[in-house]
Amino acid sequence: MPDMSASASLAMTRLVPLAKEVDENKVTPGVLGFLVFAVMALAVWFLMKSMTRHMKKVDFQESPEAAASKDTGAKAAESAAAKRG
């Protein structure tokens, strides 16, 4: 595995002179901030499209077989209660 401290050190030596050129009274997000925001916005958009597609697949209607089995179970419970009482 490569030594990450060497690459971090190299990156810092190249970025420090750029940081000194920035006016301390006027700091803006710049192009990098815009790119990060744009990537996050695209990711949210794709996630929303995916969620919508998956939610359309969900069937909220109870199937007739499940309803029939519940009715049968309820009738069986009523008949058992009637036999006891």
PDB file of N, CA and C in Angstrom:
ATOM      1  N   MET A   1       0.840  -1.165   0.000  1.00  0.00           N
ATOM      2  CA  MET A   1       0.000   0.000   0.000  1.00  0.00           C
ATOM      3  C   MET A   1       0.891   1.235   0.000  1.00  0.00           C
ATOM      4  N   PRO A   2       0.624   2.206  -0.891  1.00  0.00           N
ATOM      5  CA  PRO A   2       1.494   3.373  -0.974  1.00  0.00           C
ATOM      6  C   PRO A   2       1.374   4.247   0.271  1.00  0.00           C
ATOM      7  N   ASP A   3       2.443   4.965   0.521  1.00  0.00           N
ATOM      8  CA  ASP A   3       2.489   5.859   1.672  1.00  0.00           C
ATOM      9  C   ASP A   3       1.658   7.109   1.370  1.00  0.00           C
ATOM     10  N   MET A   4       0.568   7.297   2.101  1.00  0.00           N
ATOM     11  CA  MET A   4      -0.342   8.403   1.851  1.00  0.00           C
ATOM     12  C   MET A   4       0.189   9.722   2.389  1.00  0.00           C
ATOM     13  N   SER A   5       1.083   9.660   3.370  1.00  0.00           N
ATOM     14  CA  SER A   5       1.599  10.910   3.936  1.00  0.00           C
ATOM     15  C   SER A   5       2.461  11.660   2.927  1.00  0.00           C
ATOM     16  N   ALA A   6       3.139  10.941   2.051  1.00  0.00           N
ATOM     17  CA  ALA A   6       3.960  11.603   1.039  1.00  0.00           C
ATOM     18  C   ALA A   6       3.091  12.336   0.033  1.00  0.00           C
ATOM     19  N   SER A   7       1.994  11.724  -0.393  1.00  0.00           N
ATOM     20  CA  SER A   7       1.110  12.383  -1.350  1.00  0.00           C
ATOM     21  C   SER A   7       0.364  13.545  -0.697  1.00  0.00           C
ATOM     22  N   ALA A   8       0.022  13.404   0.585  1.00  0.00           N
ATOM     23  CA  ALA A   8      -0.628  14.505   1.298  1.00  0.00           C
ATOM     24  C   ALA A   8       0.331  15.673   1.458  1.00  0.00           C
ATOM     25  N   SER A   9       1.575  15.358   1.736  1.00  0.00           N
ATOM     26  CA  SER A   9       2.581  16.409   1.881  1.00  0.00           C
ATOM     27  C   SER A   9       2.795  17.137   0.561  1.00  0.00           C
ATOM     28  N   LEU A  10       2.849  16.398  -0.527  1.00  0.00           N
ATOM     29  CA  LEU A  10       3.017  16.999  -1.846  1.00  0.00           C
ATOM     30  C   LEU A  10       1.829  17.893  -2.184  1.00  0.00           C
ATOM     31  N   ALA A  11       0.617  17.439  -1.870  1.00  0.00           N
ATOM     32  CA  ALA A  11      -0.575  18.237  -2.142  1.00  0.00           C
ATOM     33  C   ALA A  11      -0.570  19.516  -1.317  1.00  0.00           C
ATOM     34  N   MET A  12      -0.154  19.428  -0.081  1.00  0.00           N
ATOM     35  CA  MET A  12      -0.134  20.617   0.777  1.00  0.00           C
ATOM     36  C   MET A  12       0.908  21.628   0.300  1.00  0.00           C
ATOM     37  N   THR A  13       2.053  21.162  -0.177  1.00  0.00           N
ATOM     38  CA  THR A  13       3.070  22.115  -0.636  1.00  0.00           C
ATOM     39  C   THR A  13       2.608  22.841  -1.896  1.00  0.00           C
ATOM     40  N   ARG A  14       1.754  22.203  -2.683  1.00  0.00           N
ATOM     41  CA  ARG A  14       1.256  22.873  -3.883  1.00  0.00           C
ATOM     42  C   ARG A  14       0.056  23.765  -3.591  1.00  0.00           C
ATOM     43  N   LEU A  15      -0.735  23.438  -2.570  1.00  0.00           N
ATOM     44  CA  LEU A  15      -1.935  24.208  -2.262  1.00  0.00           C
ATOM     45  C   LEU A  15      -1.670  25.397  -1.357  1.00  0.00           C
ATOM     46  N   VAL A  16      -0.639  25.362  -0.546  1.00  0.00           N
ATOM     47  CA  VAL A  16      -0.357  26.462   0.379  1.00  0.00           C
ATOM     48  C   VAL A  16      -0.095  27.766  -0.367  1.00  0.00           C
ATOM     49  N   PRO A  17       0.706  27.787  -1.445  1.00  0.00           N
ATOM     50  CA  PRO A  17       0.887  29.066  -2.158  1.00  0.00           C
ATOM     51  C   PRO A  17      -0.430  29.590  -2.742  1.00  0.00           C
ATOM     52  N   LEU A  18      -1.321  28.716  -3.157  1.00  0.00           N
ATOM     53  CA  LEU A  18      -2.611  29.163  -3.677  1.00  0.00           C
ATOM     54  C   LEU A  18      -3.458  29.778  -2.572  1.00  0.00           C
ATOM     55  N   ALA A  19      -3.357  29.235  -1.377  1.00  0.00           N
ATOM     56  CA  ALA A  19      -4.127  29.758  -0.257  1.00  0.00           C
ATOM     57  C   ALA A  19      -3.640  31.137   0.150  1.00  0.00           C
ATOM     58  N   LYS A  20      -2.361  31.427  -0.020  1.00  0.00           N
ATOM     59  CA  LYS A  20      -1.835  32.741   0.344  1.00  0.00           C
ATOM     60  C   LYS A  20      -2.308  33.820  -0.627  1.00  0.00           C
ATOM     61  N   GLU A  21      -2.652  33.425  -1.853  1.00  0.00           N
ATOM     62  CA  GLU A  21      -3.119  34.393  -2.831  1.00  0.00           C
ATOM     63  C   GLU A  21      -4.559  34.819  -2.571  1.00  0.00           C
ATOM     64  N   VAL A  22      -5.311  34.070  -1.787  1.00  0.00           N
ATOM     65  CA  VAL A  22      -6.709  34.371  -1.522  1.00  0.00           C
ATOM     66  C   VAL A  22      -6.800  35.536  -0.555  1.00  0.00           C
ATOM     67  N   ASP A  23      -7.661  36.511  -0.888  1.00  0.00           N
ATOM     68  CA  ASP A  23      -7.897  37.642   0.002  1.00  0.00           C
ATOM     69  C   ASP A  23      -8.669  37.130   1.220  1.00  0.00           C
ATOM     70  N   GLU A  24      -8.139  37.359   2.405  1.00  0.00           N
ATOM     71  CA  GLU A  24      -8.758  36.833   3.618  1.00  0.00           C
ATOM     72  C   GLU A  24     -10.108  37.474   3.907  1.00  0.00           C
ATOM     73  N   ASN A  25     -10.364  38.655   3.352  1.00  0.00           N
ATOM     74  CA  ASN A  25     -11.639  39.334   3.585  1.00  0.00           C
ATOM     75  C   ASN A  25     -12.713  38.921   2.578  1.00  0.00           C
ATOM     76  N   LYS A  26     -12.323  38.239   1.522  1.00  0.00           N
ATOM     77  CA  LYS A  26     -13.279  37.844   0.491  1.00  0.00           C
ATOM     78  C   LYS A  26     -13.025  36.380   0.117  1.00  0.00           C
ATOM     79  N   VAL A  27     -13.770  35.509   0.757  1.00  0.00           N
ATOM     80  CA  VAL A  27     -13.631  34.088   0.473  1.00  0.00           C
ATOM     81  C   VAL A  27     -14.963  33.590  -0.088  1.00  0.00           C
ATOM     82  N   THR A  28     -14.920  32.952  -1.252  1.00  0.00           N
ATOM     83  CA  THR A  28     -16.116  32.416  -1.889  1.00  0.00           C
ATOM     84  C   THR A  28     -15.932  30.921  -2.139  1.00  0.00           C
ATOM     85  N   PRO A  29     -17.027  30.194  -2.339  1.00  0.00           N
ATOM     86  CA  PRO A  29     -16.896  28.760  -2.581  1.00  0.00           C
ATOM     87  C   PRO A  29     -16.190  28.441  -3.891  1.00  0.00           C
ATOM     88  N   GLY A  30     -16.343  29.278  -4.881  1.00  0.00           N
ATOM     89  CA  GLY A  30     -15.646  29.093  -6.143  1.00  0.00           C
ATOM     90  C   GLY A  30     -16.172  27.936  -6.963  1.00  0.00           C
ATOM     91  N   VAL A  31     -15.360  27.516  -7.908  1.00  0.00           N
ATOM     92  CA  VAL A  31     -15.742  26.472  -8.844  1.00  0.00           C
ATOM     93  C   VAL A  31     -15.864  25.127  -8.135  1.00  0.00           C
ATOM     94  N   LEU A  32     -14.966  24.842  -7.229  1.00  0.00           N
ATOM     95  CA  LEU A  32     -15.023  23.568  -6.512  1.00  0.00           C
ATOM     96  C   LEU A  32     -16.315  23.449  -5.715  1.00  0.00           C
ATOM     97  N   GLY A  33     -16.712  24.507  -5.047  1.00  0.00           N
ATOM     98  CA  GLY A  33     -17.964  24.491  -4.295  1.00  0.00           C
ATOM     99  C   GLY A  33     -19.159  24.260  -5.201  1.00  0.00           C
ATOM    100  N   PHE A  34     -19.158  24.897  -6.367  1.00  0.00           N
ATOM    101  CA  PHE A  34     -20.239  24.699  -7.322  1.00  0.00           C
ATOM    102  C   PHE A  34     -20.273  23.262  -7.822  1.00  0.00           C
ATOM    103  N   LEU A  35     -19.102  22.706  -8.135  1.00  0.00           N
ATOM    104  CA  LEU A  35     -19.053  21.331  -8.636  1.00  0.00           C
ATOM    105  C   LEU A  35     -19.553  20.338  -7.588  1.00  0.00           C
ATOM    106  N   VAL A  36     -19.153  20.528  -6.340  1.00  0.00           N
ATOM    107  CA  VAL A  36     -19.604  19.639  -5.270  1.00  0.00           C
ATOM    108  C   VAL A  36     -21.120  19.737  -5.128  1.00  0.00           C
ATOM    109  N   PHE A  37     -21.653  20.959  -5.147  1.00  0.00           N
ATOM    110  CA  PHE A  37     -23.097  21.154  -5.036  1.00  0.00           C
ATOM    111  C   PHE A  37     -23.826  20.519  -6.221  1.00  0.00           C
ATOM    112  N   ALA A  38     -23.294  20.677  -7.423  1.00  0.00           N
ATOM    113  CA  ALA A  38     -23.927  20.124  -8.617  1.00  0.00           C
ATOM    114  C   ALA A  38     -23.930  18.594  -8.569  1.00  0.00           C
ATOM    115  N   VAL A  39     -22.841  17.994  -8.132  1.00  0.00           N
ATOM    116  CA  VAL A  39     -22.777  16.530  -8.033  1.00  0.00           C
ATOM    117  C   VAL A  39     -23.776  16.024  -6.993  1.00  0.00           C
ATOM    118  N   MET A  40     -23.870  16.717  -5.866  1.00  0.00           N
ATOM    119  CA  MET A  40     -24.826  16.303  -4.841  1.00  0.00           C
ATOM    120  C   MET A  40     -26.267  16.457  -5.346  1.00  0.00           C
ATOM    121  N   ALA A  41     -26.549  17.522  -6.080  1.00  0.00           N
ATOM    122  CA  ALA A  41     -27.892  17.729  -6.627  1.00  0.00           C
ATOM    123  C   ALA A  41     -28.234  16.626  -7.630  1.00  0.00           C
ATOM    124  N   LEU A  42     -27.303  16.266  -8.477  1.00  0.00           N
ATOM    125  CA  LEU A  42     -27.541  15.180  -9.427  1.00  0.00           C
ATOM    126  C   LEU A  42     -27.765  13.851  -8.710  1.00  0.00           C
ATOM    127  N   ALA A  43     -27.002  13.603  -7.670  1.00  0.00           N
ATOM    128  CA  ALA A  43     -27.165  12.357  -6.911  1.00  0.00           C
ATOM    129  C   ALA A  43     -28.556  12.293  -6.281  1.00  0.00           C
ATOM    130  N   VAL A  44     -29.016  13.395  -5.715  1.00  0.00           N
ATOM    131  CA  VAL A  44     -30.352  13.419  -5.108  1.00  0.00           C
ATOM    132  C   VAL A  44     -31.419  13.214  -6.179  1.00  0.00           C
ATOM    133  N   TRP A  45     -31.228  13.828  -7.345  1.00  0.00           N
ATOM    134  CA  TRP A  45     -32.194  13.689  -8.432  1.00  0.00           C
ATOM    135  C   TRP A  45     -32.296  12.221  -8.875  1.00  0.00           C
ATOM    136  N   PHE A  46     -31.137  11.561  -9.049  1.00  0.00           N
ATOM    137  CA  PHE A  46     -31.151  10.150  -9.442  1.00  0.00           C
ATOM    138  C   PHE A  46     -31.763   9.270  -8.355  1.00  0.00           C
ATOM    139  N   LEU A  47     -31.478   9.576  -7.086  1.00  0.00           N
ATOM    140  CA  LEU A  47     -32.067   8.802  -6.001  1.00  0.00           C
ATOM    141  C   LEU A  47     -33.583   8.965  -5.961  1.00  0.00           C
ATOM    142  N   MET A  48     -34.081  10.172  -6.206  1.00  0.00           N
ATOM    143  CA  MET A  48     -35.526  10.408  -6.223  1.00  0.00           C
ATOM    144  C   MET A  48     -36.185   9.664  -7.387  1.00  0.00           C
ATOM    145  N   LYS A  49     -35.527   9.660  -8.552  1.00  0.00           N
ATOM    146  CA  LYS A  49     -36.071   8.917  -9.692  1.00  0.00           C
ATOM    147  C   LYS A  49     -36.131   7.426  -9.366  1.00  0.00           C
ATOM    148  N   SER A  50     -35.098   6.913  -8.751  1.00  0.00           N
ATOM    149  CA  SER A  50     -35.056   5.498  -8.393  1.00  0.00           C
ATOM    150  C   SER A  50     -36.141   5.173  -7.366  1.00  0.00           C
ATOM    151  N   MET A  51     -36.302   6.047  -6.360  1.00  0.00           N
ATOM    152  CA  MET A  51     -37.315   5.807  -5.344  1.00  0.00           C
ATOM    153  C   MET A  51     -38.713   5.834  -5.963  1.00  0.00           C
ATOM    154  N   THR A  52     -38.958   6.764  -6.880  1.00  0.00           N
ATOM    155  CA  THR A  52     -40.259   6.839  -7.539  1.00  0.00           C
ATOM    156  C   THR A  52     -40.527   5.572  -8.333  1.00  0.00           C
ATOM    157  N   ARG A  53     -39.526   5.087  -9.044  1.00  0.00           N
ATOM    158  CA  ARG A  53     -39.675   3.860  -9.822  1.00  0.00           C
ATOM    159  C   ARG A  53     -39.981   2.675  -8.912  1.00  0.00           C
ATOM    160  N   HIS A  54     -39.299   2.586  -7.768  1.00  0.00           N
ATOM    161  CA  HIS A  54     -39.535   1.479  -6.851  1.00  0.00           C
ATOM    162  C   HIS A  54     -40.898   1.598  -6.169  1.00  0.00           C
ATOM    163  N   MET A  55     -41.318   2.808  -5.860  1.00  0.00           N
ATOM    164  CA  MET A  55     -42.618   2.989  -5.212  1.00  0.00           C
ATOM    165  C   MET A  55     -43.769   2.668  -6.159  1.00  0.00           C
ATOM    166  N   LYS A  56     -43.567   2.872  -7.463  1.00  0.00           N
ATOM    167  CA  LYS A  56     -44.610   2.527  -8.430  1.00  0.00           C
ATOM    168  C   LYS A  56     -44.814   1.019  -8.511  1.00  0.00           C
ATOM    169  N   LYS A  57     -43.802   0.247  -8.165  1.00  0.00           N
ATOM    170  CA  LYS A  57     -43.899  -1.211  -8.198  1.00  0.00           C
ATOM    171  C   LYS A  57     -44.673  -1.767  -7.005  1.00  0.00           C
ATOM    172  N   VAL A  58     -44.817  -0.981  -5.947  1.00  0.00           N
ATOM    173  CA  VAL A  58     -45.472  -1.451  -4.735  1.00  0.00           C
ATOM    174  C   VAL A  58     -46.977  -1.508  -4.970  1.00  0.00           C
ATOM    175  N   ASP A  59     -47.578  -2.647  -4.628  1.00  0.00           N
ATOM    176  CA  ASP A  59     -49.016  -2.831  -4.776  1.00  0.00           C
ATOM    177  C   ASP A  59     -49.656  -2.690  -3.398  1.00  0.00           C
ATOM    178  N   PHE A  60     -50.464  -1.656  -3.223  1.00  0.00           N
ATOM    179  CA  PHE A  60     -51.086  -1.410  -1.929  1.00  0.00           C
ATOM    180  C   PHE A  60     -52.419  -2.130  -1.769  1.00  0.00           C
ATOM    181  N   GLN A  61     -52.912  -2.765  -2.824  1.00  0.00           N
ATOM    182  CA  GLN A  61     -54.180  -3.478  -2.753  1.00  0.00           C
ATOM    183  C   GLN A  61     -53.955  -4.851  -2.135  1.00  0.00           C
ATOM    184  N   GLU A  62     -54.865  -5.233  -1.250  1.00  0.00           N
ATOM    185  CA  GLU A  62     -54.762  -6.550  -0.637  1.00  0.00           C
ATOM    186  C   GLU A  62     -55.211  -7.592  -1.648  1.00  0.00           C
ATOM    187  N   SER A  63     -54.471  -8.644  -1.763  1.00  0.00           N
ATOM    188  CA  SER A  63     -54.808  -9.668  -2.741  1.00  0.00           C
ATOM    189  C   SER A  63     -56.068 -10.417  -2.298  1.00  0.00           C
ATOM    190  N   PRO A  64     -56.878 -10.892  -3.244  1.00  0.00           N
ATOM    191  CA  PRO A  64     -58.126 -11.600  -2.880  1.00  0.00           C
ATOM    192  C   PRO A  64     -57.876 -12.863  -2.065  1.00  0.00           C
ATOM    193  N   GLU A  65     -56.770 -13.561  -2.321  1.00  0.00           N
ATOM    194  CA  GLU A  65     -56.482 -14.781  -1.573  1.00  0.00           C
ATOM    195  C   GLU A  65     -56.242 -14.467  -0.099  1.00  0.00           C
ATOM    196  N   ALA A  66     -55.508 -13.384   0.166  1.00  0.00           N
ATOM    197  CA  ALA A  66     -55.225 -13.021   1.556  1.00  0.00           C
ATOM    198  C   ALA A  66     -56.501 -12.585   2.261  1.00  0.00           C
ATOM    199  N   ALA A  67     -57.363 -11.859   1.555  1.00  0.00           N
ATOM    200  CA  ALA A  67     -58.630 -11.429   2.152  1.00  0.00           C
ATOM    201  C   ALA A  67     -59.514 -12.635   2.438  1.00  0.00           C
ATOM    202  N   ALA A  68     -59.541 -13.615   1.534  1.00  0.00           N
ATOM    203  CA  ALA A  68     -60.356 -14.808   1.730  1.00  0.00           C
ATOM    204  C   ALA A  68     -59.845 -15.620   2.917  1.00  0.00           C
ATOM    205  N   SER A  69     -58.537 -15.715   3.051  1.00  0.00           N
ATOM    206  CA  SER A  69     -57.997 -16.495   4.174  1.00  0.00           C
ATOM    207  C   SER A  69     -58.272 -15.794   5.493  1.00  0.00           C
ATOM    208  N   LYS A  70     -58.271 -14.461   5.498  1.00  0.00           N
ATOM    209  CA  LYS A  70     -58.594 -13.731   6.724  1.00  0.00           C
ATOM    210  C   LYS A  70     -60.063 -13.933   7.079  1.00  0.00           C
ATOM    211  N   ASP A  71     -60.939 -13.915   6.060  1.00  0.00           N
ATOM    212  CA  ASP A  71     -62.358 -14.133   6.308  1.00  0.00           C
ATOM    213  C   ASP A  71     -62.592 -15.546   6.849  1.00  0.00           C
ATOM    214  N   THR A  72     -61.899 -16.505   6.274  1.00  0.00           N
ATOM    215  CA  THR A  72     -62.030 -17.893   6.722  1.00  0.00           C
ATOM    216  C   THR A  72     -61.553 -18.012   8.160  1.00  0.00           C
ATOM    217  N   GLY A  73     -60.454 -17.361   8.478  1.00  0.00           N
ATOM    218  CA  GLY A  73     -59.927 -17.396   9.847  1.00  0.00           C
ATOM    219  C   GLY A  73     -60.883 -16.727  10.819  1.00  0.00           C
ATOM    220  N   ALA A  74     -61.504 -15.633  10.419  1.00  0.00           N
ATOM    221  CA  ALA A  74     -62.451 -14.938  11.289  1.00  0.00           C
ATOM    222  C   ALA A  74     -63.690 -15.789  11.506  1.00  0.00           C
ATOM    223  N   LYS A  75     -64.175 -16.449  10.446  1.00  0.00           N
ATOM    224  CA  LYS A  75     -65.357 -17.317  10.577  1.00  0.00           C
ATOM    225  C   LYS A  75     -65.043 -18.503  11.483  1.00  0.00           C
ATOM    226  N   ALA A  76     -63.850 -19.053  11.371  1.00  0.00           N
ATOM    227  CA  ALA A  76     -63.458 -20.182  12.218  1.00  0.00           C
ATOM    228  C   ALA A  76     -63.394 -19.751  13.675  1.00  0.00           C
ATOM    229  N   ALA A  77     -62.888 -18.540  13.926  1.00  0.00           N
ATOM    230  CA  ALA A  77     -62.814 -18.044  15.297  1.00  0.00           C
ATOM    231  C   ALA A  77     -64.212 -17.808  15.862  1.00  0.00           C
ATOM    232  N   GLU A  78     -65.138 -17.316  15.032  1.00  0.00           N
ATOM    233  CA  GLU A  78     -66.516 -17.082  15.482  1.00  0.00           C
ATOM    234  C   GLU A  78     -67.206 -18.401  15.808  1.00  0.00           C
ATOM    235  N   SER A  79     -67.007 -19.386  14.960  1.00  0.00           N
ATOM    236  CA  SER A  79     -67.649 -20.683  15.209  1.00  0.00           C
ATOM    237  C   SER A  79     -67.069 -21.349  16.455  1.00  0.00           C
ATOM    238  N   ALA A  80     -65.768 -21.183  16.694  1.00  0.00           N
ATOM    239  CA  ALA A  80     -65.153 -21.744  17.900  1.00  0.00           C
ATOM    240  C   ALA A  80     -65.694 -21.044  19.146  1.00  0.00           C
ATOM    241  N   ALA A  81     -65.880 -19.733  19.057  1.00  0.00           N
ATOM    242  CA  ALA A  81     -66.412 -18.985  20.200  1.00  0.00           C
ATOM    243  C   ALA A  81     -67.863 -19.378  20.444  1.00  0.00           C
ATOM    244  N   ALA A  82     -68.611 -19.627  19.375  1.00  0.00           N
ATOM    245  CA  ALA A  82     -70.007 -20.021  19.536  1.00  0.00           C
ATOM    246  C   ALA A  82     -70.127 -21.402  20.174  1.00  0.00           C
ATOM    247  N   LYS A  83     -69.193 -22.298  19.836  1.00  0.00           N
ATOM    248  CA  LYS A  83     -69.232 -23.641  20.420  1.00  0.00           C
ATOM    249  C   LYS A  83     -68.902 -23.598  21.905  1.00  0.00           C
ATOM    250  N   ARG A  84     -68.012 -22.681  22.298  1.00  0.00           N
ATOM    251  CA  ARG A  84     -67.639 -22.575  23.717  1.00  0.00           C
ATOM    252  C   ARG A  84     -68.772 -21.973  24.538  1.00  0.00           C
ATOM    253  N   GLY A  85     -69.480 -21.026  23.936  1.00  0.00           N
ATOM    254  CA  GLY A  85     -70.474 -20.264  24.697  1.00  0.00           C
ATOM    255  C   GLY A  85     -71.814 -20.799  24.636  1.00  0.00           C
TER     256      GLY A  85
END
